[in-house]
C-alpha atoms as a PDB file:
ATOM      1  CA  MET A   1     -40.484  13.997-129.676  1.00  0.00           C
ATOM      2  CA  ALA A   2     -42.071  12.796-126.418  1.00  0.00           C
ATOM      3  CA  ARG A   3     -39.667   9.877-126.301  1.00  0.00           C
ATOM      4  CA  SER A   4     -36.589  12.107-126.441  1.00  0.00           C
ATOM      5  CA  THR A   5     -38.067  14.361-123.754  1.00  0.00           C
ATOM      6  CA  GLY A   6     -38.577  11.352-121.494  1.00  0.00           C
ATOM      7  CA  GLU A   7     -35.040  10.152-122.136  1.00  0.00           C
ATOM      8  CA  ASP A   8     -33.703  13.631-121.429  1.00  0.00           C
ATOM      9  CA  ALA A   9     -35.618  13.734-118.153  1.00  0.00           C
ATOM     10  CA  GLN A  10     -34.245  10.324-117.135  1.00  0.00           C
ATOM     11  CA  ALA A  11     -30.711  11.430-118.005  1.00  0.00           C
ATOM     12  CA  LEU A  12     -31.172  14.564-115.940  1.00  0.00           C
ATOM     13  CA  ILE A  13     -32.459  12.573-112.955  1.00  0.00           C
ATOM     14  CA  ARG A  14     -29.526  10.133-113.221  1.00  0.00           C
ATOM     15  CA  SER A  15     -27.119  13.045-113.392  1.00  0.00           C
ATOM     16  CA  LEU A  16     -28.632  14.715-110.325  1.00  0.00           C
ATOM     17  CA  ARG A  17     -28.580  11.450-108.355  1.00  0.00           C
ATOM     18  CA  SER A  18     -24.928  10.802-109.146  1.00  0.00           C
ATOM     19  CA  ALA A  19     -23.989  14.380-108.236  1.00  0.00           C
ATOM     20  CA  TYR A  20     -25.936  14.227-104.970  1.00  0.00           C
ATOM     21  CA  ALA A  21     -24.371  10.871-104.089  1.00  0.00           C
ATOM     22  CA  ALA A  22     -21.014  12.643-103.916  1.00  0.00           C
ATOM     23  CA  THR A  23     -22.367  15.221-101.455  1.00  0.00           C
ATOM     24  CA  PRO A  24     -20.907  14.939 -97.928  1.00  0.00           C
ATOM     25  CA  LYS A  25     -23.127  13.595 -95.172  1.00  0.00           C
ATOM     26  CA  ASN A  26     -23.205  16.820 -93.153  1.00  0.00           C
ATOM     27  CA  LEU A  27     -24.612  18.723 -96.140  1.00  0.00           C
ATOM     28  CA  LYS A  28     -27.271  16.047 -96.655  1.00  0.00           C
ATOM     29  CA  ILE A  29     -28.320  16.462 -93.017  1.00  0.00           C
ATOM     30  CA  ILE A  30     -28.631  20.208 -93.523  1.00  0.00           C
ATOM     31  CA  ASP A  31     -30.701  19.561 -96.672  1.00  0.00           C
ATOM     32  CA  LEU A  32     -33.018  17.347 -94.633  1.00  0.00           C
ATOM     33  CA  TYR A  33     -33.333  20.082 -91.990  1.00  0.00           C
ATOM     34  CA  VAL A  34     -34.224  22.656 -94.661  1.00  0.00           C
ATOM     35  CA  ALA A  35     -36.828  20.306 -96.137  1.00  0.00           C
ATOM     36  CA  PHE A  36     -38.317  19.797 -92.663  1.00  0.00           C
ATOM     37  CA  ALA A  37     -38.507  23.546 -92.009  1.00  0.00           C
ATOM     38  CA  VAL A  38     -40.138  24.274 -95.359  1.00  0.00           C
ATOM     39  CA  SER A  39     -42.620  21.401 -94.993  1.00  0.00           C
ATOM     40  CA  THR A  40     -43.550  22.654 -91.510  1.00  0.00           C
ATOM     41  CA  ALA A  41     -44.245  26.105 -92.958  1.00  0.00           C
ATOM     42  CA  LEU A  42     -46.387  24.556 -95.703  1.00  0.00           C
ATOM     43  CA  ILE A  43     -48.346  22.537 -93.141  1.00  0.00           C
ATOM     44  CA  GLN A  44     -49.017  25.727 -91.183  1.00  0.00           C
ATOM     45  CA  VAL A  45     -50.241  27.518 -94.311  1.00  0.00           C
ATOM     46  CA  VAL A  46     -52.554  24.614 -95.203  1.00  0.00           C
ATOM     47  CA  TYR A  47     -53.857  24.511 -91.618  1.00  0.00           C
ATOM     48  CA  MET A  48     -54.531  28.252 -91.733  1.00  0.00           C
ATOM     49  CA  ALA A  49     -56.376  27.863 -95.041  1.00  0.00           C
ATOM     50  CA  LEU A  50     -58.566  25.074 -93.646  1.00  0.00           C
ATOM     51  CA  VAL A  51     -59.224  26.274 -90.099  1.00  0.00           C
ATOM     52  CA  GLY A  52     -58.726  30.025 -90.235  1.00  0.00           C
ATOM     53  CA  SER A  53     -56.235  32.514 -88.956  1.00  0.00           C
ATOM     54  CA  PHE A  54     -57.823  33.945 -85.835  1.00  0.00           C
ATOM     55  CA  PRO A  55     -54.598  34.633 -83.940  1.00  0.00           C
ATOM     56  CA  PHE A  56     -52.893  35.962 -87.064  1.00  0.00           C
ATOM     57  CA  ASN A  57     -49.760  36.967 -85.134  1.00  0.00           C
ATOM     58  CA  SER A  58     -49.266  33.357 -84.086  1.00  0.00           C
ATOM     59  CA  PHE A  59     -49.658  32.090 -87.627  1.00  0.00           C
ATOM     60  CA  LEU A  60     -47.355  34.741 -89.028  1.00  0.00           C
ATOM     61  CA  SER A  61     -44.671  34.190 -86.409  1.00  0.00           C
ATOM     62  CA  GLY A  62     -44.789  30.416 -86.911  1.00  0.00           C
ATOM     63  CA  VAL A  63     -44.394  30.661 -90.665  1.00  0.00           C
ATOM     64  CA  LEU A  64     -41.692  33.331 -90.419  1.00  0.00           C
ATOM     65  CA  SER A  65     -39.836  31.193 -87.884  1.00  0.00           C
ATOM     66  CA  CYS A  66     -39.841  28.213 -90.245  1.00  0.00           C
ATOM     67  CA  VAL A  67     -38.868  30.236 -93.295  1.00  0.00           C
ATOM     68  CA  GLY A  68     -36.180  32.159 -91.400  1.00  0.00           C
ATOM     69  CA  THR A  69     -34.709  28.962 -90.016  1.00  0.00           C
ATOM     70  CA  ALA A  70     -34.656  27.443 -93.503  1.00  0.00           C
ATOM     71  CA  VAL A  71     -32.891  30.498 -94.928  1.00  0.00           C
ATOM     72  CA  LEU A  72     -30.289  30.433 -92.169  1.00  0.00           C
ATOM     73  CA  ALA A  73     -29.728  26.705 -92.735  1.00  0.00           C
ATOM     74  CA  VAL A  74     -29.202  27.314 -96.459  1.00  0.00           C
ATOM     75  CA  CYS A  75     -26.618  29.964 -95.561  1.00  0.00           C
ATOM     76  CA  LEU A  76     -24.921  27.433 -93.268  1.00  0.00           C
ATOM     77  CA  ARG A  77     -24.899  24.884 -96.079  1.00  0.00           C
ATOM     78  CA  ILE A  78     -23.299  27.374 -98.439  1.00  0.00           C
ATOM     79  CA  GLN A  79     -20.606  28.175 -95.881  1.00  0.00           C
ATOM     80  CA  LEU A  80     -19.851  24.510 -95.124  1.00  0.00           C
ATOM     81  CA  ASN A  81     -19.661  23.402 -98.752  1.00  0.00           C
ATOM     82  CA  LYS A  82     -16.038  22.576 -99.591  1.00  0.00           C
ATOM     83  CA  ASP A  83     -16.593  23.349-103.292  1.00  0.00           C
ATOM     84  CA  ASN A  84     -17.467  26.952-102.474  1.00  0.00           C
ATOM     85  CA  LYS A  85     -14.198  28.892-102.696  1.00  0.00           C
ATOM     86  CA  GLU A  86     -15.688  32.069-101.254  1.00  0.00           C
ATOM     87  CA  PHE A  87     -15.749  30.685 -97.697  1.00  0.00           C
ATOM     88  CA  LYS A  88     -12.617  28.533 -97.830  1.00  0.00           C
ATOM     89  CA  ASP A  89     -10.972  30.389 -94.909  1.00  0.00           C
ATOM     90  CA  LEU A  90     -14.051  30.119 -92.678  1.00  0.00           C
ATOM     91  CA  ALA A  91     -13.869  27.395 -90.041  1.00  0.00           C
ATOM     92  CA  PRO A  92     -16.899  25.069 -89.810  1.00  0.00           C
ATOM     93  CA  GLU A  93     -17.159  25.828 -86.089  1.00  0.00           C
ATOM     94  CA  ARG A  94     -17.395  29.539 -86.829  1.00  0.00           C
ATOM     95  CA  ALA A  95     -20.094  28.958 -89.455  1.00  0.00           C
ATOM     96  CA  PHE A  96     -22.114  26.850 -87.023  1.00  0.00           C
ATOM     97  CA  ALA A  97     -21.680  29.440 -84.246  1.00  0.00           C
ATOM     98  CA  ASP A  98     -22.959  32.138 -86.610  1.00  0.00           C
ATOM     99  CA  PHE A  99     -25.923  29.907 -87.465  1.00  0.00           C
ATOM    100  CA  VAL A 100     -26.785  29.383 -83.796  1.00  0.00           C
ATOM    101  CA  LEU A 101     -26.406  33.074 -82.941  1.00  0.00           C
ATOM    102  CA  CYS A 102     -28.575  34.166 -85.876  1.00  0.00           C
ATOM    103  CA  ASN A 103     -31.213  31.582 -84.933  1.00  0.00           C
ATOM    104  CA  LEU A 104     -31.202  32.910 -81.382  1.00  0.00           C
ATOM    105  CA  VAL A 105     -31.757  36.477 -82.599  1.00  0.00           C
ATOM    106  CA  LEU A 106     -34.441  35.321 -85.063  1.00  0.00           C
ATOM    107  CA  HIS A 107     -36.392  33.477 -82.394  1.00  0.00           C
ATOM    108  CA  LEU A 108     -36.076  36.340 -79.900  1.00  0.00           C
ATOM    109  CA  VAL A 109     -37.664  38.617 -82.514  1.00  0.00           C
ATOM    110  CA  ILE A 110     -40.351  36.001 -83.215  1.00  0.00           C
ATOM    111  CA  MET A 111     -41.120  35.672 -79.490  1.00  0.00           C
ATOM    112  CA  ASN A 112     -41.377  39.452 -79.221  1.00  0.00           C
ATOM    113  CA  PHE A 113     -43.743  39.522 -82.217  1.00  0.00           C
ATOM    114  CA  LEU A 114     -46.044  36.965 -80.576  1.00  0.00           C
ATOM    115  CA  GLY A 115     -46.863  39.541 -77.921  1.00  0.00           C
END
């Protein structure tokens, strides 16, 4: 039974690799950006756990900034994906402009929260 589970896992990994190889380059860049934002948030959480959270507003605004940016980037990726028929009439420039505007509003709120 363990052998078939291992073979199934290898087949799944091969399938995911072949599907991701067909992904356009701009979506891979967005995926990398999302991974960077999430890893930055995780580093901040680990740092807070080790050192402490004396200026809690700073910690909270840093983590919320990373998570918010990652969520907005995922929304951008969904809008730019050619396979997604829901946003087929949306121009890529418009999607990117929405992403930039939402990031601007997010970071203005974060800056206000810092106090």
